[in-house]
Amino acid sequence: MLVWERPEPPSKPTPSPLSREKIVRAAITLADADGLVAVSFRKVAAELNAGPMRLYGYVETKDELLDLMVDAVYGEISPPQPGDGWRSALQTVARSLRQAALRHDWFSDLLGGRPHMGPNALAFTEASLVALDGAPEFDHIDDVMGAVGTVRGYVIGAVRNEISEARAERASGMNERQWQTASGPYIERMLATGRFPMLARVVHEATHPDADTVFEGGLELILDGIEARLTKRSPG
């Protein structure tokens, strides 16, 4: 039986009462502070002042715990609303997933892969599909799923890249400007060879916008592509 349908053990009057919600919240606190490597039954139990074996009555495996953590984050996300328009709905999907990942950077590590089956994740997915299903441009469920899946795929790649850069910055102890100063002489020597003319243009001519601008620009490209496909397929 999946954890979503398995009942919790009966409540016991102990010095440290437990519940799945308390266990999940403790695990999220650890992950927010030190990443998923910090999440173990032993550390979660210590956070709750309980013995590790007590946790197994509520959560049987670490994979179950990670699933519960992911679903708790989905519970924080505001889904798109029917009537918003398909473009606005997909913007909400993308932006809300990104903001959740920026609040809990470990969330990006778990966004891809197998489908999320918890009640909050299912509710978010349902709302995302419903918001597009009423739009006249989407006349088949495959079109709806394709658009939502494409936007989710963009978000997963974009936020993983954004968060990986932030992690690398923290690990190096240098901010972006310091890193550029340290690596600048090497990059200039490589560009001076003439072997990388396009990279030279990137370095010297590109505007290098901030992360928010990069994300929004990429999202608009994705939405423009979806709109162009819908327009091409529409009669007349």
C-alpha atoms as a PDB file:
ATOM      1  CA  MET A   1       0.000   0.000   0.000  1.00  0.00           C
ATOM      2  CA  LEU A   2       1.352   3.428  -0.938  1.00  0.00           C
ATOM      3  CA  VAL A   3       2.151   5.818   1.888  1.00  0.00           C
ATOM      4  CA  TRP A   4      -0.696   8.101   0.786  1.00  0.00           C
ATOM      5  CA  GLU A   5      -3.254   5.404   1.639  1.00  0.00           C
ATOM      6  CA  ARG A   6      -1.537   3.763   4.600  1.00  0.00           C
ATOM      7  CA  PRO A   7      -2.974   4.839   7.964  1.00  0.00           C
ATOM      8  CA  GLU A   8      -0.681   6.262  10.617  1.00  0.00           C
ATOM      9  CA  PRO A   9      -0.067   4.322  13.834  1.00  0.00           C
ATOM     10  CA  PRO A  10      -2.401   5.121  16.736  1.00  0.00           C
ATOM     11  CA  SER A  11      -1.324   8.172  18.690  1.00  0.00           C
ATOM     12  CA  LYS A  12       0.633   7.398  21.847  1.00  0.00           C
ATOM     13  CA  PRO A  13       1.093   9.643  24.891  1.00  0.00           C
ATOM     14  CA  THR A  14       4.890   9.905  24.796  1.00  0.00           C
ATOM     15  CA  PRO A  15       7.285  12.752  25.596  1.00  0.00           C
ATOM     16  CA  SER A  16       7.752  13.239  21.835  1.00  0.00           C
ATOM     17  CA  PRO A  17       4.470  12.599  19.989  1.00  0.00           C
ATOM     18  CA  LEU A  18       4.949  11.917  16.290  1.00  0.00           C
ATOM     19  CA  SER A  19       2.954  12.251  13.098  1.00  0.00           C
ATOM     20  CA  ARG A  20       3.823  12.051   9.426  1.00  0.00           C
ATOM     21  CA  GLU A  21       3.432  15.807   9.173  1.00  0.00           C
ATOM     22  CA  LYS A  22       5.943  16.416  11.981  1.00  0.00           C
ATOM     23  CA  ILE A  23       8.388  13.963  10.441  1.00  0.00           C
ATOM     24  CA  VAL A  24       8.093  15.581   7.018  1.00  0.00           C
ATOM     25  CA  ARG A  25       8.481  19.093   8.406  1.00  0.00           C
ATOM     26  CA  ALA A  26      11.599  18.068  10.303  1.00  0.00           C
ATOM     27  CA  ALA A  27      13.047  16.499   7.156  1.00  0.00           C
ATOM     28  CA  ILE A  28      12.309  19.653   5.155  1.00  0.00           C
ATOM     29  CA  THR A  29      14.024  21.781   7.799  1.00  0.00           C
ATOM     30  CA  LEU A  30      17.145  19.615   7.504  1.00  0.00           C
ATOM     31  CA  ALA A  31      17.070  19.656   3.695  1.00  0.00           C
ATOM     32  CA  ASP A  32      16.553  23.430   3.561  1.00  0.00           C
ATOM     33  CA  ALA A  33      19.608  23.906   5.757  1.00  0.00           C
ATOM     34  CA  ASP A  34      22.028  21.347   4.317  1.00  0.00           C
ATOM     35  CA  GLY A  35      20.489  19.657   1.268  1.00  0.00           C
ATOM     36  CA  LEU A  36      19.114  16.173   0.756  1.00  0.00           C
ATOM     37  CA  VAL A  37      22.354  14.592   2.043  1.00  0.00           C
ATOM     38  CA  ALA A  38      21.320  15.819   5.494  1.00  0.00           C
ATOM     39  CA  VAL A  39      18.064  13.848   5.432  1.00  0.00           C
ATOM     40  CA  SER A  40      18.246  10.490   7.187  1.00  0.00           C
ATOM     41  CA  PHE A  41      15.958   8.700   9.615  1.00  0.00           C
ATOM     42  CA  ARG A  42      18.568   9.144  12.341  1.00  0.00           C
ATOM     43  CA  LYS A  43      18.872  12.911  11.827  1.00  0.00           C
ATOM     44  CA  VAL A  44      15.129  13.420  11.476  1.00  0.00           C
ATOM     45  CA  ALA A  45      14.548  11.430  14.659  1.00  0.00           C
ATOM     46  CA  ALA A  46      17.143  13.525  16.489  1.00  0.00           C
ATOM     47  CA  GLU A  47      15.397  16.685  15.270  1.00  0.00           C
ATOM     48  CA  LEU A  48      12.187  15.358  16.835  1.00  0.00           C
ATOM     49  CA  ASN A  49      13.837  14.052  20.011  1.00  0.00           C
ATOM     50  CA  ALA A  50      12.674  10.527  19.175  1.00  0.00           C
ATOM     51  CA  GLY A  51      14.263   7.163  18.487  1.00  0.00           C
ATOM     52  CA  PRO A  52      14.828   6.370  14.781  1.00  0.00           C
ATOM     53  CA  MET A  53      12.859   3.131  14.970  1.00  0.00           C
ATOM     54  CA  ARG A  54       9.710   5.047  15.907  1.00  0.00           C
ATOM     55  CA  LEU A  55       9.757   6.764  12.516  1.00  0.00           C
ATOM     56  CA  TYR A  56       9.352   3.486  10.630  1.00  0.00           C
ATOM     57  CA  GLY A  57       5.801   3.162  11.887  1.00  0.00           C
ATOM     58  CA  TYR A  58       4.965   6.293   9.905  1.00  0.00           C
ATOM     59  CA  VAL A  59       7.382   6.156   6.955  1.00  0.00           C
ATOM     60  CA  GLU A  60       8.929   2.884   5.812  1.00  0.00           C
ATOM     61  CA  THR A  61      11.697   4.050   3.458  1.00  0.00           C
ATOM     62  CA  LYS A  62      13.693   7.150   2.608  1.00  0.00           C
ATOM     63  CA  ASP A  63      12.050   7.203  -0.827  1.00  0.00           C
ATOM     64  CA  GLU A  64       8.670   7.478   0.892  1.00  0.00           C
ATOM     65  CA  LEU A  65      10.006  10.316   3.011  1.00  0.00           C
ATOM     66  CA  LEU A  66      11.261  12.159  -0.080  1.00  0.00           C
ATOM     67  CA  ASP A  67       7.876  11.665  -1.757  1.00  0.00           C
ATOM     68  CA  LEU A  68       6.158  13.145   1.289  1.00  0.00           C
ATOM     69  CA  MET A  69       8.561  16.102   1.323  1.00  0.00           C
ATOM     70  CA  VAL A  70       7.919  16.820  -2.350  1.00  0.00           C
ATOM     71  CA  ASP A  71       4.178  16.681  -1.816  1.00  0.00           C
ATOM     72  CA  ALA A  72       4.422  19.053   1.129  1.00  0.00           C
ATOM     73  CA  VAL A  73       6.127  21.600  -1.123  1.00  0.00           C
ATOM     74  CA  TYR A  74       3.422  21.161  -3.754  1.00  0.00           C
ATOM     75  CA  GLY A  75       0.991  22.049  -0.982  1.00  0.00           C
ATOM     76  CA  GLU A  76       2.644  25.498  -0.774  1.00  0.00           C
ATOM     77  CA  ILE A  77       2.136  26.258  -4.473  1.00  0.00           C
ATOM     78  CA  SER A  78      -0.784  28.281  -5.812  1.00  0.00           C
ATOM     79  CA  PRO A  79      -2.075  26.568  -8.967  1.00  0.00           C
ATOM     80  CA  PRO A  80      -3.444  28.333 -12.059  1.00  0.00           C
ATOM     81  CA  GLN A  81      -7.127  29.151 -12.072  1.00  0.00           C
ATOM     82  CA  PRO A  82      -9.712  28.368 -14.767  1.00  0.00           C
ATOM     83  CA  GLY A  83     -10.446  31.401 -16.905  1.00  0.00           C
ATOM     84  CA  ASP A  84      -6.957  32.887 -16.612  1.00  0.00           C
ATOM     85  CA  GLY A  85      -6.198  32.177 -20.280  1.00  0.00           C
ATOM     86  CA  TRP A  86      -3.833  29.426 -21.373  1.00  0.00           C
ATOM     87  CA  ARG A  87      -0.744  31.641 -21.588  1.00  0.00           C
ATOM     88  CA  SER A  88      -1.294  33.135 -18.142  1.00  0.00           C
ATOM     89  CA  ALA A  89      -2.006  29.660 -16.743  1.00  0.00           C
ATOM     90  CA  LEU A  90       1.276  28.283 -18.064  1.00  0.00           C
ATOM     91  CA  GLN A  91       3.129  31.313 -16.724  1.00  0.00           C
ATOM     92  CA  THR A  92       1.649  30.559 -13.300  1.00  0.00           C
ATOM     93  CA  VAL A  93       2.730  26.915 -13.552  1.00  0.00           C
ATOM     94  CA  ALA A  94       6.287  27.899 -14.456  1.00  0.00           C
ATOM     95  CA  ARG A  95       6.714  30.736 -11.990  1.00  0.00           C
ATOM     96  CA  SER A  96       5.167  28.904  -9.050  1.00  0.00           C
ATOM     97  CA  LEU A  97       7.349  25.829  -9.570  1.00  0.00           C
ATOM     98  CA  ARG A  98      10.456  28.005  -9.832  1.00  0.00           C
ATOM     99  CA  GLN A  99       9.631  29.942  -6.669  1.00  0.00           C
ATOM    100  CA  ALA A 100       9.061  26.693  -4.779  1.00  0.00           C
ATOM    101  CA  ALA A 101      12.454  25.452  -5.936  1.00  0.00           C
ATOM    102  CA  LEU A 102      14.132  28.698  -4.889  1.00  0.00           C
ATOM    103  CA  ARG A 103      12.580  28.390  -1.411  1.00  0.00           C
ATOM    104  CA  HIS A 104      13.642  24.739  -1.155  1.00  0.00           C
ATOM    105  CA  ASP A 105      16.585  24.249  -3.515  1.00  0.00           C
ATOM    106  CA  TRP A 106      16.567  20.460  -2.987  1.00  0.00           C
ATOM    107  CA  PHE A 107      13.103  20.417  -4.606  1.00  0.00           C
ATOM    108  CA  SER A 108      14.709  20.910  -8.029  1.00  0.00           C
ATOM    109  CA  ASP A 109      16.624  17.642  -7.577  1.00  0.00           C
ATOM    110  CA  LEU A 110      13.326  15.775  -7.255  1.00  0.00           C
ATOM    111  CA  LEU A 111      11.220  17.587  -9.867  1.00  0.00           C
ATOM    112  CA  GLY A 112      12.037  15.240 -12.738  1.00  0.00           C
ATOM    113  CA  GLY A 113      11.909  11.464 -12.940  1.00  0.00           C
ATOM    114  CA  ARG A 114       8.922   9.433 -11.888  1.00  0.00           C
ATOM    115  CA  PRO A 115       5.522  11.136 -11.618  1.00  0.00           C
ATOM    116  CA  HIS A 116       4.611  12.725  -8.302  1.00  0.00           C
ATOM    117  CA  MET A 117       1.594  10.878  -6.926  1.00  0.00           C
ATOM    118  CA  GLY A 118       0.837  12.673  -3.666  1.00  0.00           C
ATOM    119  CA  PRO A 119      -2.497  14.450  -3.225  1.00  0.00           C
ATOM    120  CA  ASN A 120      -1.022  17.949  -3.421  1.00  0.00           C
ATOM    121  CA  ALA A 121       0.997  17.128  -6.542  1.00  0.00           C
ATOM    122  CA  LEU A 122      -2.043  15.547  -8.183  1.00  0.00           C
ATOM    123  CA  ALA A 123      -4.149  18.604  -7.317  1.00  0.00           C
ATOM    124  CA  PHE A 124      -1.553  20.945  -8.853  1.00  0.00           C
ATOM    125  CA  THR A 125      -1.334  18.832 -12.011  1.00  0.00           C
ATOM    126  CA  GLU A 126      -5.129  18.616 -12.246  1.00  0.00           C
ATOM    127  CA  ALA A 127      -5.459  22.406 -11.934  1.00  0.00           C
ATOM    128  CA  SER A 128      -2.768  22.919 -14.577  1.00  0.00           C
ATOM    129  CA  LEU A 129      -4.575  20.669 -17.033  1.00  0.00           C
ATOM    130  CA  VAL A 130      -8.021  22.084 -16.262  1.00  0.00           C
ATOM    131  CA  ALA A 131      -6.798  25.638 -16.860  1.00  0.00           C
ATOM    132  CA  LEU A 132      -5.862  24.717 -20.440  1.00  0.00           C
ATOM    133  CA  ASP A 133      -8.649  22.262 -21.150  1.00  0.00           C
ATOM    134  CA  GLY A 134     -11.235  25.026 -21.400  1.00  0.00           C
ATOM    135  CA  ALA A 135      -9.204  27.035 -23.912  1.00  0.00           C
ATOM    136  CA  PRO A 136     -10.490  26.721 -27.494  1.00  0.00           C
ATOM    137  CA  GLU A 137      -6.937  26.434 -28.839  1.00  0.00           C
ATOM    138  CA  PHE A 138      -6.534  23.068 -27.099  1.00  0.00           C
ATOM    139  CA  ASP A 139      -9.028  20.743 -28.716  1.00  0.00           C
ATOM    140  CA  HIS A 140      -7.456  17.460 -27.566  1.00  0.00           C
ATOM    141  CA  ILE A 141      -6.099  16.264 -24.238  1.00  0.00           C
ATOM    142  CA  ASP A 142      -2.784  15.433 -25.939  1.00  0.00           C
ATOM    143  CA  ASP A 143      -2.393  19.129 -26.791  1.00  0.00           C
ATOM    144  CA  VAL A 144      -3.030  20.066 -23.170  1.00  0.00           C
ATOM    145  CA  MET A 145      -0.557  17.513 -21.845  1.00  0.00           C
ATOM    146  CA  GLY A 146       2.034  18.492 -24.435  1.00  0.00           C
ATOM    147  CA  ALA A 147       1.913  22.177 -23.493  1.00  0.00           C
ATOM    148  CA  VAL A 148       2.019  21.566 -19.730  1.00  0.00           C
ATOM    149  CA  GLY A 149       4.781  18.973 -20.130  1.00  0.00           C
ATOM    150  CA  THR A 150       6.863  21.290 -22.308  1.00  0.00           C
ATOM    151  CA  VAL A 151       6.659  24.124 -19.787  1.00  0.00           C
ATOM    152  CA  ARG A 152       7.474  21.791 -16.893  1.00  0.00           C
ATOM    153  CA  GLY A 153      10.461  20.474 -18.825  1.00  0.00           C
ATOM    154  CA  TYR A 154      11.721  24.018 -19.347  1.00  0.00           C
ATOM    155  CA  VAL A 155      11.274  24.839 -15.670  1.00  0.00           C
ATOM    156  CA  ILE A 156      13.119  21.719 -14.521  1.00  0.00           C
ATOM    157  CA  GLY A 157      16.129  22.505 -16.702  1.00  0.00           C
ATOM    158  CA  ALA A 158      16.142  26.219 -15.947  1.00  0.00           C
ATOM    159  CA  VAL A 159      15.853  25.971 -12.168  1.00  0.00           C
ATOM    160  CA  ARG A 160      18.380  23.144 -11.930  1.00  0.00           C
ATOM    161  CA  ASN A 161      20.871  25.283 -13.816  1.00  0.00           C
ATOM    162  CA  GLU A 162      20.082  28.337 -11.695  1.00  0.00           C
ATOM    163  CA  ILE A 163      20.377  26.445  -8.430  1.00  0.00           C
ATOM    164  CA  SER A 164      23.519  24.590  -9.527  1.00  0.00           C
ATOM    165  CA  GLU A 165      25.183  27.938 -10.191  1.00  0.00           C
ATOM    166  CA  ALA A 166      24.152  29.190  -6.752  1.00  0.00           C
ATOM    167  CA  ARG A 167      25.498  26.034  -5.111  1.00  0.00           C
ATOM    168  CA  ALA A 168      28.792  26.330  -6.997  1.00  0.00           C
ATOM    169  CA  GLU A 169      29.080  29.944  -5.853  1.00  0.00           C
ATOM    170  CA  ARG A 170      28.539  28.943  -2.228  1.00  0.00           C
ATOM    171  CA  ALA A 171      31.015  26.071  -2.503  1.00  0.00           C
ATOM    172  CA  SER A 172      33.736  28.269  -4.037  1.00  0.00           C
ATOM    173  CA  GLY A 173      33.259  31.046  -1.514  1.00  0.00           C
ATOM    174  CA  MET A 174      33.258  33.579  -4.378  1.00  0.00           C
ATOM    175  CA  ASN A 175      30.385  35.634  -5.709  1.00  0.00           C
ATOM    176  CA  GLU A 176      29.876  36.001  -9.464  1.00  0.00           C
ATOM    177  CA  ARG A 177      31.988  39.142  -9.740  1.00  0.00           C
ATOM    178  CA  GLN A 178      34.859  37.561  -7.787  1.00  0.00           C
ATOM    179  CA  TRP A 179      34.698  34.452  -9.967  1.00  0.00           C
ATOM    180  CA  GLN A 180      34.775  36.558 -13.120  1.00  0.00           C
ATOM    181  CA  THR A 181      37.802  38.454 -11.810  1.00  0.00           C
ATOM    182  CA  ALA A 182      39.618  35.206 -10.997  1.00  0.00           C
ATOM    183  CA  SER A 183      38.815  33.482 -14.303  1.00  0.00           C
ATOM    184  CA  GLY A 184      38.886  36.573 -16.523  1.00  0.00           C
ATOM    185  CA  PRO A 185      42.573  36.467 -17.543  1.00  0.00           C
ATOM    186  CA  TYR A 186      42.302  32.836 -18.664  1.00  0.00           C
ATOM    187  CA  ILE A 187      39.118  33.507 -20.661  1.00  0.00           C
ATOM    188  CA  GLU A 188      40.700  36.517 -22.370  1.00  0.00           C
ATOM    189  CA  ARG A 189      43.776  34.475 -23.336  1.00  0.00           C
ATOM    190  CA  MET A 190      41.559  31.776 -24.838  1.00  0.00           C
ATOM    191  CA  LEU A 191      39.455  34.298 -26.747  1.00  0.00           C
ATOM    192  CA  ALA A 192      42.612  36.004 -28.043  1.00  0.00           C
ATOM    193  CA  THR A 193      43.504  32.816 -29.964  1.00  0.00           C
ATOM    194  CA  GLY A 194      40.652  33.576 -32.371  1.00  0.00           C
ATOM    195  CA  ARG A 195      39.284  30.038 -32.059  1.00  0.00           C
ATOM    196  CA  PHE A 196      36.084  31.116 -30.303  1.00  0.00           C
ATOM    197  CA  PRO A 197      34.607  34.111 -32.148  1.00  0.00           C
ATOM    198  CA  MET A 198      31.025  33.504 -31.017  1.00  0.00           C
ATOM    199  CA  LEU A 199      32.058  33.096 -27.383  1.00  0.00           C
ATOM    200  CA  ALA A 200      33.991  36.353 -27.729  1.00  0.00           C
ATOM    201  CA  ARG A 201      30.775  38.042 -28.814  1.00  0.00           C
ATOM    202  CA  VAL A 202      28.969  36.545 -25.832  1.00  0.00           C
ATOM    203  CA  VAL A 203      31.597  37.888 -23.437  1.00  0.00           C
ATOM    204  CA  HIS A 204      31.916  41.340 -24.971  1.00  0.00           C
ATOM    205  CA  GLU A 205      28.479  42.051 -26.475  1.00  0.00           C
ATOM    206  CA  ALA A 206      25.830  40.090 -24.552  1.00  0.00           C
ATOM    207  CA  THR A 207      23.865  41.947 -21.863  1.00  0.00           C
ATOM    208  CA  HIS A 208      24.161  39.137 -19.260  1.00  0.00           C
ATOM    209  CA  PRO A 209      20.796  39.763 -17.564  1.00  0.00           C
ATOM    210  CA  ASP A 210      19.917  38.582 -14.065  1.00  0.00           C
ATOM    211  CA  ALA A 211      18.369  35.191 -13.303  1.00  0.00           C
ATOM    212  CA  ASP A 212      14.777  36.483 -13.219  1.00  0.00           C
ATOM    213  CA  THR A 213      15.141  38.085 -16.651  1.00  0.00           C
ATOM    214  CA  VAL A 214      16.784  34.977 -18.111  1.00  0.00           C
ATOM    215  CA  PHE A 215      13.993  32.754 -16.789  1.00  0.00           C
ATOM    216  CA  GLU A 216      11.208  35.005 -18.034  1.00  0.00           C
ATOM    217  CA  GLY A 217      12.855  35.362 -21.440  1.00  0.00           C
ATOM    218  CA  GLY A 218      13.180  31.607 -21.844  1.00  0.00           C
ATOM    219  CA  LEU A 219       9.587  31.103 -20.720  1.00  0.00           C
ATOM    220  CA  GLU A 220       8.344  33.594 -23.310  1.00  0.00           C
ATOM    221  CA  LEU A 221      10.266  31.726 -26.026  1.00  0.00           C
ATOM    222  CA  ILE A 222       8.553  28.480 -24.978  1.00  0.00           C
ATOM    223  CA  LEU A 223       5.108  30.076 -24.895  1.00  0.00           C
ATOM    224  CA  ASP A 224       5.672  31.782 -28.255  1.00  0.00           C
ATOM    225  CA  GLY A 225       6.562  28.390 -29.706  1.00  0.00           C
ATOM    226  CA  ILE A 226       3.394  26.817 -28.318  1.00  0.00           C
ATOM    227  CA  GLU A 227       1.319  29.699 -29.654  1.00  0.00           C
ATOM    228  CA  ALA A 228       2.924  29.444 -33.107  1.00  0.00           C
ATOM    229  CA  ARG A 229       2.151  25.733 -33.228  1.00  0.00           C
ATOM    230  CA  LEU A 230      -1.458  26.309 -32.200  1.00  0.00           C
ATOM    231  CA  THR A 231      -1.859  29.082 -34.777  1.00  0.00           C
ATOM    232  CA  LYS A 232      -0.364  26.926 -37.522  1.00  0.00           C
ATOM    233  CA  ARG A 233      -2.795  24.105 -36.753  1.00  0.00           C
ATOM    234  CA  SER A 234      -5.918  26.253 -36.487  1.00  0.00           C
ATOM    235  CA  PRO A 235      -8.082  26.380 -39.631  1.00  0.00           C
ATOM    236  CA  GLY A 236      -8.096  29.537 -41.701  1.00  0.00           C
END
